[in-house]
Amino acid sequence: MADQQVAAQGNGDDGLGYEQARDALLEVVRQLEAGGVPLEESLALWERGEQLAKVCQRWLDGARARLDAALAAEEGDTDSAGA
């Protein structure tokens, strides 16, 4: 039953916000570090952790792109103001 619960949690990760994905990833890590989990469930947890890490990375990549774009726009405004 625990395997089914872990597998069910893996669905729909793309709709998670960064904080939700990060918190879920921390919980997965906590469970894995605690040990005492059967091999199949450990593998399912690890796979879920990989999915959550990808969601977090996409959020961070998007935030970096937005920051870069804002900085580039600010530089463009500064360059045109000085001309």
PDB file of N, CA and C in Angstrom:
ATOM      1  N   MET A   1       0.820  -1.191   0.000  1.00  0.00           N
ATOM      2  CA  MET A   1       0.000   0.000   0.000  1.00  0.00           C
ATOM      3  C   MET A   1       0.865   1.257   0.000  1.00  0.00           C
ATOM      4  N   ALA A   2       1.948   1.268   0.742  1.00  0.00           N
ATOM      5  CA  ALA A   2       2.827   2.428   0.780  1.00  0.00           C
ATOM      6  C   ALA A   2       3.417   2.703  -0.593  1.00  0.00           C
ATOM      7  N   ASP A   3       3.728   1.634  -1.354  1.00  0.00           N
ATOM      8  CA  ASP A   3       4.256   1.810  -2.699  1.00  0.00           C
ATOM      9  C   ASP A   3       3.248   2.535  -3.576  1.00  0.00           C
ATOM     10  N   GLN A   4       1.967   2.174  -3.444  1.00  0.00           N
ATOM     11  CA  GLN A   4       0.928   2.815  -4.243  1.00  0.00           C
ATOM     12  C   GLN A   4       0.792   4.281  -3.858  1.00  0.00           C
ATOM     13  N   GLN A   5       0.933   4.584  -2.572  1.00  0.00           N
ATOM     14  CA  GLN A   5       0.826   5.959  -2.101  1.00  0.00           C
ATOM     15  C   GLN A   5       1.966   6.800  -2.682  1.00  0.00           C
ATOM     16  N   VAL A   6       3.175   6.270  -2.652  1.00  0.00           N
ATOM     17  CA  VAL A   6       4.329   6.982  -3.201  1.00  0.00           C
ATOM     18  C   VAL A   6       4.151   7.190  -4.691  1.00  0.00           C
ATOM     19  N   ALA A   7       3.700   6.169  -5.403  1.00  0.00           N
ATOM     20  CA  ALA A   7       3.505   6.269  -6.844  1.00  0.00           C
ATOM     21  C   ALA A   7       2.412   7.292  -7.155  1.00  0.00           C
ATOM     22  N   ALA A   8       1.338   7.295  -6.383  1.00  0.00           N
ATOM     23  CA  ALA A   8       0.245   8.227  -6.620  1.00  0.00           C
ATOM     24  C   ALA A   8       0.706   9.663  -6.392  1.00  0.00           C
ATOM     25  N   GLN A   9       1.605   9.882  -5.437  1.00  0.00           N
ATOM     26  CA  GLN A   9       2.097  11.223  -5.165  1.00  0.00           C
ATOM     27  C   GLN A   9       2.939  11.743  -6.323  1.00  0.00           C
ATOM     28  N   GLY A  10       3.491  10.868  -7.128  1.00  0.00           N
ATOM     29  CA  GLY A  10       4.350  11.270  -8.229  1.00  0.00           C
ATOM     30  C   GLY A  10       3.592  11.884  -9.392  1.00  0.00           C
ATOM     31  N   ASN A  11       2.292  11.731  -9.423  1.00  0.00           N
ATOM     32  CA  ASN A  11       1.487  12.261 -10.528  1.00  0.00           C
ATOM     33  C   ASN A  11       1.220  13.743 -10.326  1.00  0.00           C
ATOM     34  N   GLY A  12       1.334  14.525 -11.402  1.00  0.00           N
ATOM     35  CA  GLY A  12       0.973  15.926 -11.330  1.00  0.00           C
ATOM     36  C   GLY A  12       2.017  16.829 -10.717  1.00  0.00           C
ATOM     37  N   ASP A  13       3.267  16.415 -10.671  1.00  0.00           N
ATOM     38  CA  ASP A  13       4.310  17.229 -10.060  1.00  0.00           C
ATOM     39  C   ASP A  13       4.530  18.538 -10.800  1.00  0.00           C
ATOM     40  N   ASP A  14       4.230  18.580 -12.101  1.00  0.00           N
ATOM     41  CA  ASP A  14       4.471  19.786 -12.879  1.00  0.00           C
ATOM     42  C   ASP A  14       3.613  20.958 -12.396  1.00  0.00           C
ATOM     43  N   GLY A  15       2.517  20.681 -11.737  1.00  0.00           N
ATOM     44  CA  GLY A  15       1.647  21.740 -11.239  1.00  0.00           C
ATOM     45  C   GLY A  15       2.068  22.285  -9.882  1.00  0.00           C
ATOM     46  N   LEU A  16       3.116  21.730  -9.303  1.00  0.00           N
ATOM     47  CA  LEU A  16       3.563  22.184  -7.993  1.00  0.00           C
ATOM     48  C   LEU A  16       4.329  23.488  -8.096  1.00  0.00           C
ATOM     49  N   GLY A  17       4.151  24.327  -7.097  1.00  0.00           N
ATOM     50  CA  GLY A  17       4.981  25.513  -6.978  1.00  0.00           C
ATOM     51  C   GLY A  17       6.349  25.106  -6.449  1.00  0.00           C
ATOM     52  N   TYR A  18       7.295  26.044  -6.505  1.00  0.00           N
ATOM     53  CA  TYR A  18       8.648  25.737  -6.060  1.00  0.00           C
ATOM     54  C   TYR A  18       8.673  25.286  -4.601  1.00  0.00           C
ATOM     55  N   GLU A  19       8.022  26.035  -3.733  1.00  0.00           N
ATOM     56  CA  GLU A  19       8.055  25.716  -2.309  1.00  0.00           C
ATOM     57  C   GLU A  19       7.419  24.369  -2.024  1.00  0.00           C
ATOM     58  N   GLN A  20       6.320  24.065  -2.728  1.00  0.00           N
ATOM     59  CA  GLN A  20       5.660  22.769  -2.544  1.00  0.00           C
ATOM     60  C   GLN A  20       6.584  21.631  -2.970  1.00  0.00           C
ATOM     61  N   ALA A  21       7.211  21.777  -4.126  1.00  0.00           N
ATOM     62  CA  ALA A  21       8.110  20.741  -4.629  1.00  0.00           C
ATOM     63  C   ALA A  21       9.313  20.584  -3.713  1.00  0.00           C
ATOM     64  N   ARG A  22       9.867  21.706  -3.256  1.00  0.00           N
ATOM     65  CA  ARG A  22      11.013  21.663  -2.352  1.00  0.00           C
ATOM     66  C   ARG A  22      10.658  20.951  -1.047  1.00  0.00           C
ATOM     67  N   ASP A  23       9.508  21.294  -0.476  1.00  0.00           N
ATOM     68  CA  ASP A  23       9.091  20.663   0.776  1.00  0.00           C
ATOM     69  C   ASP A  23       8.843  19.169   0.599  1.00  0.00           C
ATOM     70  N   ALA A  24       8.222  18.797  -0.527  1.00  0.00           N
ATOM     71  CA  ALA A  24       7.984  17.377  -0.805  1.00  0.00           C
ATOM     72  C   ALA A  24       9.311  16.645  -0.992  1.00  0.00           C
ATOM     73  N   LEU A  25      10.270  17.305  -1.659  1.00  0.00           N
ATOM     74  CA  LEU A  25      11.596  16.700  -1.842  1.00  0.00           C
ATOM     75  C   LEU A  25      12.291  16.516  -0.505  1.00  0.00           C
ATOM     76  N   LEU A  26      12.197  17.492   0.371  1.00  0.00           N
ATOM     77  CA  LEU A  26      12.790  17.362   1.702  1.00  0.00           C
ATOM     78  C   LEU A  26      12.180  16.187   2.475  1.00  0.00           C
ATOM     79  N   GLU A  27      10.878  15.993   2.313  1.00  0.00           N
ATOM     80  CA  GLU A  27      10.208  14.873   2.981  1.00  0.00           C
ATOM     81  C   GLU A  27      10.691  13.535   2.423  1.00  0.00           C
ATOM     82  N   VAL A  28      10.874  13.464   1.119  1.00  0.00           N
ATOM     83  CA  VAL A  28      11.389  12.243   0.491  1.00  0.00           C
ATOM     84  C   VAL A  28      12.786  11.937   1.030  1.00  0.00           C
ATOM     85  N   VAL A  29      13.622  12.956   1.079  1.00  0.00           N
ATOM     86  CA  VAL A  29      14.991  12.771   1.587  1.00  0.00           C
ATOM     87  C   VAL A  29      14.948  12.308   3.048  1.00  0.00           C
ATOM     88  N   ARG A  30      14.080  12.925   3.843  1.00  0.00           N
ATOM     89  CA  ARG A  30      13.960  12.541   5.256  1.00  0.00           C
ATOM     90  C   ARG A  30      13.591  11.065   5.386  1.00  0.00           C
ATOM     91  N   GLN A  31      12.628  10.634   4.569  1.00  0.00           N
ATOM     92  CA  GLN A  31      12.193   9.235   4.633  1.00  0.00           C
ATOM     93  C   GLN A  31      13.317   8.287   4.227  1.00  0.00           C
ATOM     94  N   LEU A  32      14.053   8.666   3.181  1.00  0.00           N
ATOM     95  CA  LEU A  32      15.152   7.813   2.730  1.00  0.00           C
ATOM     96  C   LEU A  32      16.272   7.761   3.755  1.00  0.00           C
ATOM     97  N   GLU A  33      16.576   8.892   4.361  1.00  0.00           N
ATOM     98  CA  GLU A  33      17.641   8.935   5.352  1.00  0.00           C
ATOM     99  C   GLU A  33      17.274   8.196   6.631  1.00  0.00           C
ATOM    100  N   ALA A  34      15.981   8.160   6.949  1.00  0.00           N
ATOM    101  CA  ALA A  34      15.531   7.467   8.153  1.00  0.00           C
ATOM    102  C   ALA A  34      15.754   5.964   8.039  1.00  0.00           C
ATOM    103  N   GLY A  35      15.751   5.459   6.812  1.00  0.00           N
ATOM    104  CA  GLY A  35      15.971   4.031   6.585  1.00  0.00           C
ATOM    105  C   GLY A  35      14.770   3.199   7.006  1.00  0.00           C
ATOM    106  N   GLY A  36      14.961   1.900   6.985  1.00  0.00           N
ATOM    107  CA  GLY A  36      13.901   0.988   7.375  1.00  0.00           C
ATOM    108  C   GLY A  36      12.792   0.871   6.347  1.00  0.00           C
ATOM    109  N   VAL A  37      13.030   1.374   5.145  1.00  0.00           N
ATOM    110  CA  VAL A  37      12.025   1.324   4.088  1.00  0.00           C
ATOM    111  C   VAL A  37      12.385   0.163   3.163  1.00  0.00           C
ATOM    112  N   PRO A  38      11.409  -0.645   2.793  1.00  0.00           N
ATOM    113  CA  PRO A  38      11.692  -1.749   1.866  1.00  0.00           C
ATOM    114  C   PRO A  38      12.287  -1.232   0.549  1.00  0.00           C
ATOM    115  N   LEU A  39      13.022  -2.096  -0.122  1.00  0.00           N
ATOM    116  CA  LEU A  39      13.731  -1.724  -1.336  1.00  0.00           C
ATOM    117  C   LEU A  39      12.803  -1.114  -2.384  1.00  0.00           C
ATOM    118  N   GLU A  40      11.683  -1.748  -2.664  1.00  0.00           N
ATOM    119  CA  GLU A  40      10.764  -1.228  -3.689  1.00  0.00           C
ATOM    120  C   GLU A  40      10.282   0.164  -3.341  1.00  0.00           C
ATOM    121  N   GLU A  41       9.948   0.373  -2.072  1.00  0.00           N
ATOM    122  CA  GLU A  41       9.481   1.694  -1.649  1.00  0.00           C
ATOM    123  C   GLU A  41      10.625   2.708  -1.711  1.00  0.00           C
ATOM    124  N   SER A  42      11.838   2.294  -1.367  1.00  0.00           N
ATOM    125  CA  SER A  42      13.001   3.179  -1.465  1.00  0.00           C
ATOM    126  C   SER A  42      13.222   3.622  -2.910  1.00  0.00           C
ATOM    127  N   LEU A  43      13.100   2.685  -3.838  1.00  0.00           N
ATOM    128  CA  LEU A  43      13.252   3.026  -5.255  1.00  0.00           C
ATOM    129  C   LEU A  43      12.169   4.004  -5.709  1.00  0.00           C
ATOM    130  N   ALA A  44      10.944   3.774  -5.269  1.00  0.00           N
ATOM    131  CA  ALA A  44       9.845   4.672  -5.629  1.00  0.00           C
ATOM    132  C   ALA A  44      10.082   6.059  -5.040  1.00  0.00           C
ATOM    133  N   LEU A  45      10.565   6.117  -3.805  1.00  0.00           N
ATOM    134  CA  LEU A  45      10.876   7.397  -3.185  1.00  0.00           C
ATOM    135  C   LEU A  45      11.995   8.113  -3.947  1.00  0.00           C
ATOM    136  N   TRP A  46      13.016   7.373  -4.319  1.00  0.00           N
ATOM    137  CA  TRP A  46      14.130   7.961  -5.051  1.00  0.00           C
ATOM    138  C   TRP A  46      13.646   8.538  -6.390  1.00  0.00           C
ATOM    139  N   GLU A  47      12.800   7.779  -7.092  1.00  0.00           N
ATOM    140  CA  GLU A  47      12.255   8.254  -8.362  1.00  0.00           C
ATOM    141  C   GLU A  47      11.423   9.517  -8.164  1.00  0.00           C
ATOM    142  N   ARG A  48      10.633   9.522  -7.108  1.00  0.00           N
ATOM    143  CA  ARG A  48       9.834  10.718  -6.793  1.00  0.00           C
ATOM    144  C   ARG A  48      10.753  11.899  -6.493  1.00  0.00           C
ATOM    145  N   GLY A  49      11.810  11.645  -5.758  1.00  0.00           N
ATOM    146  CA  GLY A  49      12.766  12.701  -5.456  1.00  0.00           C
ATOM    147  C   GLY A  49      13.391  13.270  -6.719  1.00  0.00           C
ATOM    148  N   GLU A  50      13.710  12.408  -7.670  1.00  0.00           N
ATOM    149  CA  GLU A  50      14.271  12.863  -8.938  1.00  0.00           C
ATOM    150  C   GLU A  50      13.273  13.762  -9.674  1.00  0.00           C
ATOM    151  N   GLN A  51      12.009  13.362  -9.688  1.00  0.00           N
ATOM    152  CA  GLN A  51      10.972  14.162 -10.342  1.00  0.00           C
ATOM    153  C   GLN A  51      10.836  15.523  -9.665  1.00  0.00           C
ATOM    154  N   LEU A  52      10.814  15.520  -8.353  1.00  0.00           N
ATOM    155  CA  LEU A  52      10.671  16.768  -7.601  1.00  0.00           C
ATOM    156  C   LEU A  52      11.877  17.680  -7.803  1.00  0.00           C
ATOM    157  N   ALA A  53      13.063  17.087  -7.861  1.00  0.00           N
ATOM    158  CA  ALA A  53      14.272  17.879  -8.100  1.00  0.00           C
ATOM    159  C   ALA A  53      14.199  18.553  -9.466  1.00  0.00           C
ATOM    160  N   LYS A  54      13.653  17.864 -10.457  1.00  0.00           N
ATOM    161  CA  LYS A  54      13.508  18.449 -11.793  1.00  0.00           C
ATOM    162  C   LYS A  54      12.524  19.610 -11.771  1.00  0.00           C
ATOM    163  N   VAL A  55      11.441  19.455 -11.022  1.00  0.00           N
ATOM    164  CA  VAL A  55      10.463  20.546 -10.902  1.00  0.00           C
ATOM    165  C   VAL A  55      11.137  21.760 -10.266  1.00  0.00           C
ATOM    166  N   CYS A  56      11.877  21.530  -9.197  1.00  0.00           N
ATOM    167  CA  CYS A  56      12.576  22.634  -8.529  1.00  0.00           C
ATOM    168  C   CYS A  56      13.568  23.297  -9.481  1.00  0.00           C
ATOM    169  N   GLN A  57      14.299  22.502 -10.235  1.00  0.00           N
ATOM    170  CA  GLN A  57      15.287  23.048 -11.159  1.00  0.00           C
ATOM    171  C   GLN A  57      14.623  23.882 -12.249  1.00  0.00           C
ATOM    172  N   ARG A  58      13.458  23.430 -12.736  1.00  0.00           N
ATOM    173  CA  ARG A  58      12.747  24.216 -13.744  1.00  0.00           C
ATOM    174  C   ARG A  58      12.335  25.579 -13.180  1.00  0.00           C
ATOM    175  N   TRP A  59      11.855  25.591 -11.932  1.00  0.00           N
ATOM    176  CA  TRP A  59      11.490  26.849 -11.294  1.00  0.00           C
ATOM    177  C   TRP A  59      12.702  27.759 -11.155  1.00  0.00           C
ATOM    178  N   LEU A  60      13.815  27.200 -10.709  1.00  0.00           N
ATOM    179  CA  LEU A  60      15.023  28.001 -10.531  1.00  0.00           C
ATOM    180  C   LEU A  60      15.552  28.512 -11.863  1.00  0.00           C
ATOM    181  N   ASP A  61      15.516  27.670 -12.891  1.00  0.00           N
ATOM    182  CA  ASP A  61      15.945  28.100 -14.224  1.00  0.00           C
ATOM    183  C   ASP A  61      15.062  29.242 -14.731  1.00  0.00           C
ATOM    184  N   GLY A  62      13.760  29.122 -14.502  1.00  0.00           N
ATOM    185  CA  GLY A  62      12.840  30.175 -14.915  1.00  0.00           C
ATOM    186  C   GLY A  62      13.090  31.476 -14.169  1.00  0.00           C
ATOM    187  N   ALA A  63      13.356  31.367 -12.877  1.00  0.00           N
ATOM    188  CA  ALA A  63      13.648  32.565 -12.091  1.00  0.00           C
ATOM    189  C   ALA A  63      14.937  33.214 -12.579  1.00  0.00           C
ATOM    190  N   ARG A  64      15.946  32.405 -12.893  1.00  0.00           N
ATOM    191  CA  ARG A  64      17.214  32.944 -13.399  1.00  0.00           C
ATOM    192  C   ARG A  64      16.994  33.647 -14.733  1.00  0.00           C
ATOM    193  N   ALA A  65      16.193  33.062 -15.607  1.00  0.00           N
ATOM    194  CA  ALA A  65      15.920  33.676 -16.909  1.00  0.00           C
ATOM    195  C   ALA A  65      15.210  35.019 -16.726  1.00  0.00           C
ATOM    196  N   ARG A  66      14.263  35.080 -15.804  1.00  0.00           N
ATOM    197  CA  ARG A  66      13.555  36.338 -15.544  1.00  0.00           C
ATOM    198  C   ARG A  66      14.494  37.404 -15.002  1.00  0.00           C
ATOM    199  N   LEU A  67      15.384  37.002 -14.083  1.00  0.00           N
ATOM    200  CA  LEU A  67      16.360  37.949 -13.546  1.00  0.00           C
ATOM    201  C   LEU A  67      17.301  38.446 -14.630  1.00  0.00           C
ATOM    202  N   ASP A  68      17.782  37.520 -15.447  1.00  0.00           N
ATOM    203  CA  ASP A  68      18.676  37.900 -16.541  1.00  0.00           C
ATOM    204  C   ASP A  68      17.987  38.863 -17.495  1.00  0.00           C
ATOM    205  N   ALA A  69      16.728  38.596 -17.818  1.00  0.00           N
ATOM    206  CA  ALA A  69      15.982  39.467 -18.724  1.00  0.00           C
ATOM    207  C   ALA A  69      15.780  40.849 -18.101  1.00  0.00           C
ATOM    208  N   ALA A  70      15.477  40.880 -16.812  1.00  0.00           N
ATOM    209  CA  ALA A  70      15.279  42.167 -16.140  1.00  0.00           C
ATOM    210  C   ALA A  70      16.581  42.958 -16.100  1.00  0.00           C
ATOM    211  N   LEU A  71      17.681  42.274 -15.826  1.00  0.00           N
ATOM    212  CA  LEU A  71      18.976  42.953 -15.800  1.00  0.00           C
ATOM    213  C   LEU A  71      19.366  43.459 -17.186  1.00  0.00           C
ATOM    214  N   ALA A  72      19.082  42.658 -18.211  1.00  0.00           N
ATOM    215  CA  ALA A  72      19.387  43.070 -19.573  1.00  0.00           C
ATOM    216  C   ALA A  72      18.541  44.279 -19.964  1.00  0.00           C
ATOM    217  N   ALA A  73      17.272  44.290 -19.576  1.00  0.00           N
ATOM    218  CA  ALA A  73      16.397  45.409 -19.881  1.00  0.00           C
ATOM    219  C   ALA A  73      16.865  46.671 -19.155  1.00  0.00           C
ATOM    220  N   GLU A  74      17.295  46.490 -17.919  1.00  0.00           N
ATOM    221  CA  GLU A  74      17.797  47.629 -17.147  1.00  0.00           C
ATOM    222  C   GLU A  74      19.065  48.193 -17.784  1.00  0.00           C
ATOM    223  N   GLU A  75      19.937  47.315 -18.256  1.00  0.00           N
ATOM    224  CA  GLU A  75      21.142  47.761 -18.938  1.00  0.00           C
ATOM    225  C   GLU A  75      20.797  48.513 -20.217  1.00  0.00           C
ATOM    226  N   GLY A  76      19.797  48.012 -20.936  1.00  0.00           N
ATOM    227  CA  GLY A  76      19.363  48.674 -22.158  1.00  0.00           C
ATOM    228  C   GLY A  76      18.807  50.056 -21.871  1.00  0.00           C
ATOM    229  N   ASP A  77      18.056  50.184 -20.781  1.00  0.00           N
ATOM    230  CA  ASP A  77      17.502  51.483 -20.402  1.00  0.00           C
ATOM    231  C   ASP A  77      18.627  52.448 -20.009  1.00  0.00           C
ATOM    232  N   THR A  78      19.627  51.937 -19.307  1.00  0.00           N
ATOM    233  CA  THR A  78      20.759  52.760 -18.883  1.00  0.00           C
ATOM    234  C   THR A  78      21.561  53.223 -20.080  1.00  0.00           C
ATOM    235  N   ASP A  79      21.786  52.319 -21.046  1.00  0.00           N
ATOM    236  CA  ASP A  79      22.555  52.667 -22.249  1.00  0.00           C
ATOM    237  C   ASP A  79      21.844  53.724 -23.082  1.00  0.00           C
ATOM    238  N   SER A  80      20.526  53.594 -23.242  1.00  0.00           N
ATOM    239  CA  SER A  80      19.787  54.536 -24.069  1.00  0.00           C
ATOM    240  C   SER A  80      19.605  55.882 -23.363  1.00  0.00           C
ATOM    241  N   ALA A  81      19.590  55.882 -22.042  1.00  0.00           N
ATOM    242  CA  ALA A  81      19.437  57.124 -21.285  1.00  0.00           C
ATOM    243  C   ALA A  81      20.708  57.959 -21.360  1.00  0.00           C
ATOM    244  N   GLY A  82      21.852  57.283 -21.458  1.00  0.00           N
ATOM    245  CA  GLY A  82      23.120  57.996 -21.521  1.00  0.00           C
ATOM    246  C   GLY A  82      23.471  58.494 -22.903  1.00  0.00           C
ATOM    247  N   ALA A  83      22.711  58.104 -23.906  1.00  0.00           N
ATOM    248  CA  ALA A  83      23.045  58.468 -25.296  1.00  0.00           C
ATOM    249  C   ALA A  83      22.487  59.803 -25.686  1.00  0.00           C
TER     250      ALA A  83
END
